[in-house]
PDB file of all heavy atoms in Angstrom:
ATOM      1  N   THR A   1      -8.512 -13.497   6.655  1.00  0.00           N
ATOM      2  CA  THR A   1      -7.096 -13.848   6.657  1.00  0.00           C
ATOM      3  C   THR A   1      -6.815 -15.217   6.061  1.00  0.00           C
ATOM      4  O   THR A   1      -5.964 -15.365   5.168  1.00  0.00           O
ATOM      5  CB  THR A   1      -6.525 -13.777   8.080  1.00  0.00           C
ATOM      6  OG1 THR A   1      -6.636 -12.444   8.571  1.00  0.00           O
ATOM      7  CG2 THR A   1      -5.064 -14.199   8.095  1.00  0.00           C
ATOM      8  N   GLN A   2      -7.479 -16.240   6.517  1.00  0.00           N
ATOM      9  CA  GLN A   2      -7.189 -17.599   6.057  1.00  0.00           C
ATOM     10  C   GLN A   2      -7.492 -17.760   4.564  1.00  0.00           C
ATOM     11  O   GLN A   2      -6.727 -18.402   3.834  1.00  0.00           O
ATOM     12  CB  GLN A   2      -7.975 -18.617   6.885  1.00  0.00           C
ATOM     13  CG  GLN A   2      -7.534 -18.687   8.338  1.00  0.00           C
ATOM     14  CD  GLN A   2      -6.033 -18.914   8.488  1.00  0.00           C
ATOM     15  OE1 GLN A   2      -5.451 -19.797   7.846  1.00  0.00           O
ATOM     16  NE2 GLN A   2      -5.396 -18.114   9.340  1.00  0.00           N
ATOM     17  N   LYS A   3      -8.584 -17.195   4.114  1.00  0.00           N
ATOM     18  CA  LYS A   3      -8.921 -17.274   2.690  1.00  0.00           C
ATOM     19  C   LYS A   3      -7.881 -16.547   1.856  1.00  0.00           C
ATOM     20  O   LYS A   3      -7.445 -17.028   0.793  1.00  0.00           O
ATOM     21  CB  LYS A   3     -10.300 -16.683   2.433  1.00  0.00           C
ATOM     22  CG  LYS A   3     -10.755 -16.762   0.972  1.00  0.00           C
ATOM     23  CD  LYS A   3     -12.149 -16.191   0.796  1.00  0.00           C
ATOM     24  CE  LYS A   3     -12.672 -16.432  -0.618  1.00  0.00           C
ATOM     25  NZ  LYS A   3     -11.788 -15.848  -1.672  1.00  0.00           N
ATOM     26  N   ARG A   4      -7.459 -15.386   2.318  1.00  0.00           N
ATOM     27  CA  ARG A   4      -6.479 -14.613   1.581  1.00  0.00           C
ATOM     28  C   ARG A   4      -5.114 -15.313   1.548  1.00  0.00           C
ATOM     29  O   ARG A   4      -4.413 -15.267   0.526  1.00  0.00           O
ATOM     30  CB  ARG A   4      -6.338 -13.207   2.183  1.00  0.00           C
ATOM     31  CG  ARG A   4      -7.500 -12.290   1.811  1.00  0.00           C
ATOM     32  CD  ARG A   4      -7.450 -10.956   2.537  1.00  0.00           C
ATOM     33  NE  ARG A   4      -8.459 -10.049   1.990  1.00  0.00           N
ATOM     34  CZ  ARG A   4      -8.233  -9.157   1.036  1.00  0.00           C
ATOM     35  NH1 ARG A   4      -7.023  -9.016   0.537  1.00  0.00           N
ATOM     36  NH2 ARG A   4      -9.200  -8.386   0.583  1.00  0.00           N
ATOM     37  N   LEU A   5      -4.724 -15.926   2.627  1.00  0.00           N
ATOM     38  CA  LEU A   5      -3.461 -16.679   2.627  1.00  0.00           C
ATOM     39  C   LEU A   5      -3.460 -17.744   1.538  1.00  0.00           C
ATOM     40  O   LEU A   5      -2.444 -17.967   0.866  1.00  0.00           O
ATOM     41  CB  LEU A   5      -3.219 -17.315   3.994  1.00  0.00           C
ATOM     42  CG  LEU A   5      -2.812 -16.371   5.127  1.00  0.00           C
ATOM     43  CD1 LEU A   5      -2.763 -17.119   6.450  1.00  0.00           C
ATOM     44  CD2 LEU A   5      -1.458 -15.721   4.830  1.00  0.00           C
ATOM     45  N   LYS A   6      -4.586 -18.366   1.345  1.00  0.00           N
ATOM     46  CA  LYS A   6      -4.715 -19.391   0.306  1.00  0.00           C
ATOM     47  C   LYS A   6      -4.740 -18.769  -1.087  1.00  0.00           C
ATOM     48  O   LYS A   6      -4.040 -19.228  -2.002  1.00  0.00           O
ATOM     49  CB  LYS A   6      -5.986 -20.210   0.538  1.00  0.00           C
ATOM     50  CG  LYS A   6      -6.218 -21.308  -0.482  1.00  0.00           C
ATOM     51  CD  LYS A   6      -7.496 -22.067  -0.175  1.00  0.00           C
ATOM     52  CE  LYS A   6      -7.755 -23.150  -1.228  1.00  0.00           C
ATOM     53  NZ  LYS A   6      -9.017 -23.902  -0.937  1.00  0.00           N
ATOM     54  N   ASP A   7      -5.528 -17.711  -1.247  1.00  0.00           N
ATOM     55  CA  ASP A   7      -5.693 -17.087  -2.567  1.00  0.00           C
ATOM     56  C   ASP A   7      -4.419 -16.411  -3.058  1.00  0.00           C
ATOM     57  O   ASP A   7      -4.187 -16.320  -4.271  1.00  0.00           O
ATOM     58  CB  ASP A   7      -6.830 -16.067  -2.528  1.00  0.00           C
ATOM     59  CG  ASP A   7      -8.191 -16.707  -2.324  1.00  0.00           C
ATOM     60  OD1 ASP A   7      -8.307 -17.942  -2.488  1.00  0.00           O
ATOM     61  OD2 ASP A   7      -9.143 -15.963  -1.992  1.00  0.00           O
ATOM     62  N   PHE A   8      -3.596 -15.919  -2.128  1.00  0.00           N
ATOM     63  CA  PHE A   8      -2.399 -15.170  -2.507  1.00  0.00           C
ATOM     64  C   PHE A   8      -1.127 -16.019  -2.456  1.00  0.00           C
ATOM     65  O   PHE A   8      -0.032 -15.481  -2.690  1.00  0.00           O
ATOM     66  CB  PHE A   8      -2.215 -13.958  -1.574  1.00  0.00           C
ATOM     67  CG  PHE A   8      -3.143 -12.810  -1.859  1.00  0.00           C
ATOM     68  CD1 PHE A   8      -4.435 -12.815  -1.361  1.00  0.00           C
ATOM     69  CD2 PHE A   8      -2.736 -11.728  -2.613  1.00  0.00           C
ATOM     70  CE1 PHE A   8      -5.300 -11.762  -1.604  1.00  0.00           C
ATOM     71  CE2 PHE A   8      -3.581 -10.663  -2.869  1.00  0.00           C
ATOM     72  CZ  PHE A   8      -4.878 -10.675  -2.366  1.00  0.00           C
ATOM     73  N   ALA A   9      -1.251 -17.298  -2.189  1.00  0.00           N
ATOM     74  CA  ALA A   9      -0.080 -18.148  -1.960  1.00  0.00           C
ATOM     75  C   ALA A   9       0.951 -18.088  -3.097  1.00  0.00           C
ATOM     76  O   ALA A   9       2.157 -18.170  -2.859  1.00  0.00           O
ATOM     77  CB  ALA A   9      -0.521 -19.588  -1.730  1.00  0.00           C
ATOM     78  N   LYS A  10       0.492 -17.929  -4.318  1.00  0.00           N
ATOM     79  CA  LYS A  10       1.397 -17.920  -5.473  1.00  0.00           C
ATOM     80  C   LYS A  10       1.886 -16.505  -5.812  1.00  0.00           C
ATOM     81  O   LYS A  10       2.539 -16.314  -6.841  1.00  0.00           O
ATOM     82  CB  LYS A  10       0.703 -18.530  -6.688  1.00  0.00           C
ATOM     83  CG  LYS A  10       0.346 -20.003  -6.513  1.00  0.00           C
ATOM     84  CD  LYS A  10      -0.333 -20.547  -7.756  1.00  0.00           C
ATOM     85  CE  LYS A  10      -0.692 -22.029  -7.577  1.00  0.00           C
ATOM     86  NZ  LYS A  10      -1.370 -22.586  -8.781  1.00  0.00           N
ATOM     87  N   TYR A  11       1.583 -15.553  -4.934  1.00  0.00           N
ATOM     88  CA  TYR A  11       1.937 -14.160  -5.211  1.00  0.00           C
ATOM     89  C   TYR A  11       2.991 -13.612  -4.250  1.00  0.00           C
ATOM     90  O   TYR A  11       3.174 -12.398  -4.152  1.00  0.00           O
ATOM     91  CB  TYR A  11       0.676 -13.287  -5.197  1.00  0.00           C
ATOM     92  CG  TYR A  11      -0.215 -13.565  -6.386  1.00  0.00           C
ATOM     93  CD1 TYR A  11      -1.053 -14.681  -6.396  1.00  0.00           C
ATOM     94  CD2 TYR A  11      -0.199 -12.747  -7.509  1.00  0.00           C
ATOM     95  CE1 TYR A  11      -1.856 -14.967  -7.494  1.00  0.00           C
ATOM     96  CE2 TYR A  11      -0.993 -13.025  -8.610  1.00  0.00           C
ATOM     97  CZ  TYR A  11      -1.822 -14.133  -8.604  1.00  0.00           C
ATOM     98  OH  TYR A  11      -2.608 -14.423  -9.698  1.00  0.00           O
ATOM     99  N   GLN A  12       3.691 -14.495  -3.560  1.00  0.00           N
ATOM    100  CA  GLN A  12       4.763 -14.039  -2.681  1.00  0.00           C
ATOM    101  C   GLN A  12       5.927 -13.497  -3.509  1.00  0.00           C
ATOM    102  O   GLN A  12       6.323 -14.094  -4.517  1.00  0.00           O
ATOM    103  CB  GLN A  12       5.268 -15.169  -1.796  1.00  0.00           C
ATOM    104  CG  GLN A  12       6.323 -14.717  -0.790  1.00  0.00           C
ATOM    105  CD  GLN A  12       6.978 -15.872  -0.055  1.00  0.00           C
ATOM    106  OE1 GLN A  12       7.821 -16.574  -0.617  1.00  0.00           O
ATOM    107  NE2 GLN A  12       6.566 -16.087   1.193  1.00  0.00           N
ATOM    108  N   ILE A  13       6.478 -12.385  -3.079  1.00  0.00           N
ATOM    109  CA  ILE A  13       7.683 -11.850  -3.719  1.00  0.00           C
ATOM    110  C   ILE A  13       8.885 -12.518  -3.054  1.00  0.00           C
ATOM    111  O   ILE A  13       9.214 -12.245  -1.906  1.00  0.00           O
ATOM    112  CB  ILE A  13       7.748 -10.323  -3.591  1.00  0.00           C
ATOM    113  CG1 ILE A  13       6.585  -9.696  -4.373  1.00  0.00           C
ATOM    114  CG2 ILE A  13       9.085  -9.786  -4.113  1.00  0.00           C
ATOM    115  CD1 ILE A  13       6.536  -8.194  -4.334  1.00  0.00           C
ATOM    116  N   ASN A  14       9.484 -13.422  -3.775  1.00  0.00           N
ATOM    117  CA  ASN A  14      10.601 -14.205  -3.257  1.00  0.00           C
ATOM    118  C   ASN A  14      11.750 -14.188  -4.261  1.00  0.00           C
ATOM    119  O   ASN A  14      11.682 -13.541  -5.311  1.00  0.00           O
ATOM    120  CB  ASN A  14      10.151 -15.640  -2.949  1.00  0.00           C
ATOM    121  CG  ASN A  14       9.407 -16.268  -4.123  1.00  0.00           C
ATOM    122  OD1 ASN A  14       9.756 -16.025  -5.290  1.00  0.00           O
ATOM    123  ND2 ASN A  14       8.380 -17.054  -3.842  1.00  0.00           N
ATOM    124  N   ASP A  15      12.823 -14.908  -3.932  1.00  0.00           N
ATOM    125  CA  ASP A  15      14.012 -14.893  -4.787  1.00  0.00           C
ATOM    126  C   ASP A  15      13.718 -15.411  -6.190  1.00  0.00           C
ATOM    127  O   ASP A  15      14.274 -14.904  -7.174  1.00  0.00           O
ATOM    128  CB  ASP A  15      15.128 -15.718  -4.139  1.00  0.00           C
ATOM    129  CG  ASP A  15      15.649 -15.089  -2.861  1.00  0.00           C
ATOM    130  OD1 ASP A  15      15.838 -13.850  -2.841  1.00  0.00           O
ATOM    131  OD2 ASP A  15      15.858 -15.812  -1.879  1.00  0.00           O
ATOM    132  N   GLU A  16      12.861 -16.396  -6.287  1.00  0.00           N
ATOM    133  CA  GLU A  16      12.512 -16.952  -7.600  1.00  0.00           C
ATOM    134  C   GLU A  16      11.802 -15.918  -8.461  1.00  0.00           C
ATOM    135  O   GLU A  16      12.088 -15.784  -9.661  1.00  0.00           O
ATOM    136  CB  GLU A  16      11.627 -18.187  -7.423  1.00  0.00           C
ATOM    137  CG  GLU A  16      11.241 -18.849  -8.733  1.00  0.00           C
ATOM    138  CD  GLU A  16      10.353 -20.069  -8.530  1.00  0.00           C
ATOM    139  OE1 GLU A  16      10.078 -20.421  -7.357  1.00  0.00           O
ATOM    140  OE2 GLU A  16       9.936 -20.657  -9.540  1.00  0.00           O
ATOM    141  N   LEU A  17      10.891 -15.167  -7.848  1.00  0.00           N
ATOM    142  CA  LEU A  17      10.132 -14.181  -8.613  1.00  0.00           C
ATOM    143  C   LEU A  17      11.002 -12.985  -9.008  1.00  0.00           C
ATOM    144  O   LEU A  17      10.976 -12.546 -10.170  1.00  0.00           O
ATOM    145  CB  LEU A  17       8.924 -13.699  -7.810  1.00  0.00           C
ATOM    146  CG  LEU A  17       8.017 -12.689  -8.516  1.00  0.00           C
ATOM    147  CD1 LEU A  17       7.442 -13.275  -9.810  1.00  0.00           C
ATOM    148  CD2 LEU A  17       6.880 -12.252  -7.587  1.00  0.00           C
ATOM    149  N   VAL A  18      11.782 -12.445  -8.072  1.00  0.00           N
ATOM    150  CA  VAL A  18      12.570 -11.247  -8.395  1.00  0.00           C
ATOM    151  C   VAL A  18      13.722 -11.551  -9.336  1.00  0.00           C
ATOM    152  O   VAL A  18      14.327 -10.626  -9.894  1.00  0.00           O
ATOM    153  CB  VAL A  18      13.104 -10.552  -7.114  1.00  0.00           C
ATOM    154  CG1 VAL A  18      11.954 -10.062  -6.260  1.00  0.00           C
ATOM    155  CG2 VAL A  18      14.031 -11.473  -6.327  1.00  0.00           C
ATOM    156  N   ALA A  19      14.011 -12.822  -9.577  1.00  0.00           N
ATOM    157  CA  ALA A  19      15.020 -13.173 -10.567  1.00  0.00           C
ATOM    158  C   ALA A  19      14.608 -12.711 -11.959  1.00  0.00           C
ATOM    159  O   ALA A  19      15.452 -12.564 -12.857  1.00  0.00           O
ATOM    160  CB  ALA A  19      15.259 -14.684 -10.565  1.00  0.00           C
ATOM    161  N   HIS A  20      13.320 -12.446 -12.139  1.00  0.00           N
ATOM    162  CA  HIS A  20      12.816 -11.966 -13.432  1.00  0.00           C
ATOM    163  C   HIS A  20      12.934 -10.446 -13.558  1.00  0.00           C
ATOM    164  O   HIS A  20      12.780  -9.909 -14.660  1.00  0.00           O
ATOM    165  CB  HIS A  20      11.352 -12.373 -13.605  1.00  0.00           C
ATOM    166  CG  HIS A  20      11.143 -13.854 -13.658  1.00  0.00           C
ATOM    167  ND1 HIS A  20      11.333 -14.589 -14.808  1.00  0.00           N
ATOM    168  CD2 HIS A  20      10.793 -14.739 -12.694  1.00  0.00           C
ATOM    169  CE1 HIS A  20      11.080 -15.872 -14.561  1.00  0.00           C
ATOM    170  NE2 HIS A  20      10.754 -15.986 -13.279  1.00  0.00           N
ATOM    171  N   ALA A  21      13.187  -9.767 -12.451  1.00  0.00           N
ATOM    172  CA  ALA A  21      13.362  -8.313 -12.484  1.00  0.00           C
ATOM    173  C   ALA A  21      14.788  -7.981 -12.902  1.00  0.00           C
ATOM    174  O   ALA A  21      15.635  -8.868 -13.085  1.00  0.00           O
ATOM    175  CB  ALA A  21      13.058  -7.721 -11.111  1.00  0.00           C
ATOM    176  N   LYS A  22      15.077  -6.683 -13.060  1.00  0.00           N
ATOM    177  CA  LYS A  22      16.444  -6.287 -13.366  1.00  0.00           C
ATOM    178  C   LYS A  22      17.349  -6.612 -12.180  1.00  0.00           C
ATOM    179  O   LYS A  22      16.892  -6.585 -11.030  1.00  0.00           O
ATOM    180  CB  LYS A  22      16.493  -4.802 -13.702  1.00  0.00           C
ATOM    181  CG  LYS A  22      15.801  -4.467 -15.025  1.00  0.00           C
ATOM    182  CD  LYS A  22      15.914  -2.996 -15.362  1.00  0.00           C
ATOM    183  CE  LYS A  22      15.228  -2.698 -16.691  1.00  0.00           C
ATOM    184  NZ  LYS A  22      15.270  -1.252 -17.036  1.00  0.00           N
ATOM    185  N   PRO A  23      18.614  -6.931 -12.426  1.00  0.00           N
ATOM    186  CA  PRO A  23      19.510  -7.329 -11.322  1.00  0.00           C
ATOM    187  C   PRO A  23      19.595  -6.301 -10.199  1.00  0.00           C
ATOM    188  O   PRO A  23      19.755  -6.664  -9.034  1.00  0.00           O
ATOM    189  CB  PRO A  23      20.867  -7.513 -12.026  1.00  0.00           C
ATOM    190  CG  PRO A  23      20.503  -7.848 -13.445  1.00  0.00           C
ATOM    191  CD  PRO A  23      19.279  -7.029 -13.735  1.00  0.00           C
ATOM    192  N   ASP A  24      19.495  -5.024 -10.543  1.00  0.00           N
ATOM    193  CA  ASP A  24      19.606  -3.984  -9.528  1.00  0.00           C
ATOM    194  C   ASP A  24      18.233  -3.441  -9.120  1.00  0.00           C
ATOM    195  O   ASP A  24      18.108  -2.294  -8.673  1.00  0.00           O
ATOM    196  CB  ASP A  24      20.473  -2.834 -10.024  1.00  0.00           C
ATOM    197  CG  ASP A  24      19.873  -2.125 -11.239  1.00  0.00           C
ATOM    198  OD1 ASP A  24      18.951  -2.689 -11.866  1.00  0.00           O
ATOM    199  OD2 ASP A  24      20.319  -1.003 -11.561  1.00  0.00           O
ATOM    200  N   TYR A  25      17.200  -4.263  -9.236  1.00  0.00           N
ATOM    201  CA  TYR A  25      15.844  -3.838  -8.883  1.00  0.00           C
ATOM    202  C   TYR A  25      15.793  -3.301  -7.452  1.00  0.00           C
ATOM    203  O   TYR A  25      16.595  -3.684  -6.592  1.00  0.00           O
ATOM    204  CB  TYR A  25      14.861  -5.011  -9.023  1.00  0.00           C
ATOM    205  CG  TYR A  25      14.889  -5.971  -7.847  1.00  0.00           C
ATOM    206  CD1 TYR A  25      13.975  -5.845  -6.799  1.00  0.00           C
ATOM    207  CD2 TYR A  25      15.852  -6.979  -7.754  1.00  0.00           C
ATOM    208  CE1 TYR A  25      14.007  -6.700  -5.709  1.00  0.00           C
ATOM    209  CE2 TYR A  25      15.894  -7.840  -6.675  1.00  0.00           C
ATOM    210  CZ  TYR A  25      14.969  -7.693  -5.648  1.00  0.00           C
ATOM    211  OH  TYR A  25      15.009  -8.535  -4.557  1.00  0.00           O
ATOM    212  N   MET A  26      14.843  -2.425  -7.198  1.00  0.00           N
ATOM    213  CA  MET A  26      14.587  -1.920  -5.858  1.00  0.00           C
ATOM    214  C   MET A  26      13.365  -2.629  -5.294  1.00  0.00           C
ATOM    215  O   MET A  26      12.326  -2.686  -5.961  1.00  0.00           O
ATOM    216  CB  MET A  26      14.328  -0.417  -5.888  1.00  0.00           C
ATOM    217  CG  MET A  26      15.484   0.420  -6.380  1.00  0.00           C
ATOM    218  SD  MET A  26      15.038   2.186  -6.514  1.00  0.00           S
ATOM    219  CE  MET A  26      14.692   2.588  -4.793  1.00  0.00           C
ATOM    220  N   PHE A  27      13.465  -3.151  -4.088  1.00  0.00           N
ATOM    221  CA  PHE A  27      12.283  -3.708  -3.431  1.00  0.00           C
ATOM    222  C   PHE A  27      11.680  -2.649  -2.521  1.00  0.00           C
ATOM    223  O   PHE A  27      12.376  -2.023  -1.710  1.00  0.00           O
ATOM    224  CB  PHE A  27      12.601  -4.952  -2.605  1.00  0.00           C
ATOM    225  CG  PHE A  27      11.393  -5.438  -1.843  1.00  0.00           C
ATOM    226  CD1 PHE A  27      10.355  -6.064  -2.510  1.00  0.00           C
ATOM    227  CD2 PHE A  27      11.261  -5.200  -0.478  1.00  0.00           C
ATOM    228  CE1 PHE A  27       9.208  -6.477  -1.836  1.00  0.00           C
ATOM    229  CE2 PHE A  27      10.126  -5.603   0.210  1.00  0.00           C
ATOM    230  CZ  PHE A  27       9.094  -6.243  -0.476  1.00  0.00           C
ATOM    231  N   LEU A  28      10.361  -2.467  -2.646  1.00  0.00           N
ATOM    232  CA  LEU A  28       9.636  -1.478  -1.857  1.00  0.00           C
ATOM    233  C   LEU A  28       8.451  -2.120  -1.155  1.00  0.00           C
ATOM    234  O   LEU A  28       7.837  -3.061  -1.678  1.00  0.00           O
ATOM    235  CB  LEU A  28       9.138  -0.342  -2.755  1.00  0.00           C
ATOM    236  CG  LEU A  28      10.205   0.438  -3.539  1.00  0.00           C
ATOM    237  CD1 LEU A  28       9.547   1.415  -4.509  1.00  0.00           C
ATOM    238  CD2 LEU A  28      11.142   1.181  -2.598  1.00  0.00           C
ATOM    239  N   HIS A  29       8.138  -1.612   0.008  1.00  0.00           N
ATOM    240  CA  HIS A  29       6.987  -2.095   0.790  1.00  0.00           C
ATOM    241  C   HIS A  29       6.532  -0.942   1.674  1.00  0.00           C
ATOM    242  O   HIS A  29       7.347  -0.280   2.314  1.00  0.00           O
ATOM    243  CB  HIS A  29       7.392  -3.285   1.646  1.00  0.00           C
ATOM    244  CG  HIS A  29       6.249  -4.065   2.232  1.00  0.00           C
ATOM    245  ND1 HIS A  29       5.282  -3.502   3.042  1.00  0.00           N
ATOM    246  CD2 HIS A  29       5.921  -5.382   2.116  1.00  0.00           C
ATOM    247  CE1 HIS A  29       4.414  -4.441   3.401  1.00  0.00           C
ATOM    248  NE2 HIS A  29       4.773  -5.586   2.847  1.00  0.00           N
ATOM    249  N   CYS A  30       5.220  -0.685   1.712  1.00  0.00           N
ATOM    250  CA  CYS A  30       4.714   0.455   2.488  1.00  0.00           C
ATOM    251  C   CYS A  30       4.776   0.226   3.995  1.00  0.00           C
ATOM    252  O   CYS A  30       4.679   1.182   4.763  1.00  0.00           O
ATOM    253  CB  CYS A  30       3.290   0.788   2.057  1.00  0.00           C
ATOM    254  SG  CYS A  30       2.139  -0.596   2.172  1.00  0.00           S
ATOM    255  N   LEU A  31       4.919  -1.019   4.433  1.00  0.00           N
ATOM    256  CA  LEU A  31       5.005  -1.398   5.845  1.00  0.00           C
ATOM    257  C   LEU A  31       3.703  -1.103   6.591  1.00  0.00           C
ATOM    258  O   LEU A  31       2.968  -0.193   6.192  1.00  0.00           O
ATOM    259  CB  LEU A  31       6.190  -0.708   6.526  1.00  0.00           C
ATOM    260  CG  LEU A  31       7.569  -1.023   5.951  1.00  0.00           C
ATOM    261  CD1 LEU A  31       8.655  -0.253   6.718  1.00  0.00           C
ATOM    262  CD2 LEU A  31       7.874  -2.507   5.954  1.00  0.00           C
ATOM    263  N   PRO A  32       3.365  -1.854   7.613  1.00  0.00           N
ATOM    264  CA  PRO A  32       4.123  -2.963   8.172  1.00  0.00           C
ATOM    265  C   PRO A  32       4.114  -4.178   7.241  1.00  0.00           C
ATOM    266  O   PRO A  32       3.202  -4.323   6.421  1.00  0.00           O
ATOM    267  CB  PRO A  32       3.393  -3.275   9.481  1.00  0.00           C
ATOM    268  CG  PRO A  32       1.985  -2.868   9.205  1.00  0.00           C
ATOM    269  CD  PRO A  32       2.083  -1.643   8.344  1.00  0.00           C
ATOM    270  N   ALA A  33       5.126  -5.029   7.386  1.00  0.00           N
ATOM    271  CA  ALA A  33       5.273  -6.203   6.523  1.00  0.00           C
ATOM    272  C   ALA A  33       5.127  -7.486   7.330  1.00  0.00           C
ATOM    273  O   ALA A  33       5.440  -7.528   8.519  1.00  0.00           O
ATOM    274  CB  ALA A  33       6.637  -6.177   5.852  1.00  0.00           C
ATOM    275  N   HIS A  34       4.648  -8.517   6.658  1.00  0.00           N
ATOM    276  CA  HIS A  34       4.572  -9.860   7.238  1.00  0.00           C
ATOM    277  C   HIS A  34       5.578 -10.740   6.504  1.00  0.00           C
ATOM    278  O   HIS A  34       5.285 -11.270   5.426  1.00  0.00           O
ATOM    279  CB  HIS A  34       3.157 -10.432   7.103  1.00  0.00           C
ATOM    280  CG  HIS A  34       2.121  -9.665   7.866  1.00  0.00           C
ATOM    281  ND1 HIS A  34       0.783  -9.726   7.572  1.00  0.00           N
ATOM    282  CD2 HIS A  34       2.236  -8.809   8.917  1.00  0.00           C
ATOM    283  CE1 HIS A  34       0.107  -8.957   8.406  1.00  0.00           C
ATOM    284  NE2 HIS A  34       0.982  -8.384   9.234  1.00  0.00           N
ATOM    285  N   ARG A  35       6.745 -10.845   7.067  1.00  0.00           N
ATOM    286  CA  ARG A  35       7.784 -11.653   6.435  1.00  0.00           C
ATOM    287  C   ARG A  35       7.335 -13.104   6.294  1.00  0.00           C
ATOM    288  O   ARG A  35       6.702 -13.656   7.185  1.00  0.00           O
ATOM    289  CB  ARG A  35       9.091 -11.564   7.230  1.00  0.00           C
ATOM    290  CG  ARG A  35       9.786 -10.205   7.086  1.00  0.00           C
ATOM    291  CD  ARG A  35      10.873 -10.009   8.110  1.00  0.00           C
ATOM    292  NE  ARG A  35      11.675  -8.807   7.871  1.00  0.00           N
ATOM    293  CZ  ARG A  35      11.292  -7.565   8.151  1.00  0.00           C
ATOM    294  NH1 ARG A  35      10.099  -7.375   8.711  1.00  0.00           N
ATOM    295  NH2 ARG A  35      12.074  -6.546   7.890  1.00  0.00           N
ATOM    296  N   GLU A  36       7.682 -13.664   5.145  1.00  0.00           N
ATOM    297  CA  GLU A  36       7.326 -15.031   4.759  1.00  0.00           C
ATOM    298  C   GLU A  36       5.840 -15.176   4.420  1.00  0.00           C
ATOM    299  O   GLU A  36       5.363 -16.291   4.229  1.00  0.00           O
ATOM    300  CB  GLU A  36       7.753 -16.054   5.815  1.00  0.00           C
ATOM    301  CG  GLU A  36       9.257 -16.091   6.050  1.00  0.00           C
ATOM    302  CD  GLU A  36      10.066 -16.297   4.776  1.00  0.00           C
ATOM    303  OE1 GLU A  36       9.612 -17.069   3.907  1.00  0.00           O
ATOM    304  OE2 GLU A  36      11.136 -15.672   4.640  1.00  0.00           O
ATOM    305  N   GLU A  37       5.118 -14.072   4.324  1.00  0.00           N
ATOM    306  CA  GLU A  37       3.783 -14.090   3.710  1.00  0.00           C
ATOM    307  C   GLU A  37       3.903 -13.412   2.350  1.00  0.00           C
ATOM    308  O   GLU A  37       4.254 -14.057   1.376  1.00  0.00           O
ATOM    309  CB  GLU A  37       2.742 -13.407   4.605  1.00  0.00           C
ATOM    310  CG  GLU A  37       2.335 -14.260   5.796  1.00  0.00           C
ATOM    311  CD  GLU A  37       1.157 -13.679   6.556  1.00  0.00           C
ATOM    312  OE1 GLU A  37       0.444 -12.816   6.001  1.00  0.00           O
ATOM    313  OE2 GLU A  37       0.943 -14.090   7.707  1.00  0.00           O
ATOM    314  N   GLU A  38       3.660 -12.095   2.281  1.00  0.00           N
ATOM    315  CA  GLU A  38       3.706 -11.426   0.978  1.00  0.00           C
ATOM    316  C   GLU A  38       5.121 -11.259   0.436  1.00  0.00           C
ATOM    317  O   GLU A  38       5.318 -11.054  -0.765  1.00  0.00           O
ATOM    318  CB  GLU A  38       3.018 -10.052   1.050  1.00  0.00           C
ATOM    319  CG  GLU A  38       3.787  -8.979   1.783  1.00  0.00           C
ATOM    320  CD  GLU A  38       3.512  -8.926   3.270  1.00  0.00           C
ATOM    321  OE1 GLU A  38       2.834  -9.854   3.775  1.00  0.00           O
ATOM    322  OE2 GLU A  38       3.941  -7.980   3.938  1.00  0.00           O
ATOM    323  N   VAL A  39       6.130 -11.365   1.314  1.00  0.00           N
ATOM    324  CA  VAL A  39       7.513 -11.214   0.869  1.00  0.00           C
ATOM    325  C   VAL A  39       8.427 -12.135   1.666  1.00  0.00           C
ATOM    326  O   VAL A  39       8.255 -12.308   2.882  1.00  0.00           O
ATOM    327  CB  VAL A  39       7.979  -9.747   1.011  1.00  0.00           C
ATOM    328  CG1 VAL A  39       7.847  -9.258   2.454  1.00  0.00           C
ATOM    329  CG2 VAL A  39       9.400  -9.553   0.487  1.00  0.00           C
ATOM    330  N   ALA A  40       9.386 -12.719   0.974  1.00  0.00           N
ATOM    331  CA  ALA A  40      10.373 -13.571   1.635  1.00  0.00           C
ATOM    332  C   ALA A  40      11.345 -12.702   2.433  1.00  0.00           C
ATOM    333  O   ALA A  40      11.685 -11.588   2.019  1.00  0.00           O
ATOM    334  CB  ALA A  40      11.131 -14.395   0.604  1.00  0.00           C
TER     335      ALA A  40
END
């Protein structure tokens, strides 16, 4: 867990990243989700 948190830190799907997608993009997640880790 701790190593992965460090290695994936720049891979969070957040508002800055999805700004590069189409405006009407769909966000999908297979769940369960860890908010503020892999996704804002």
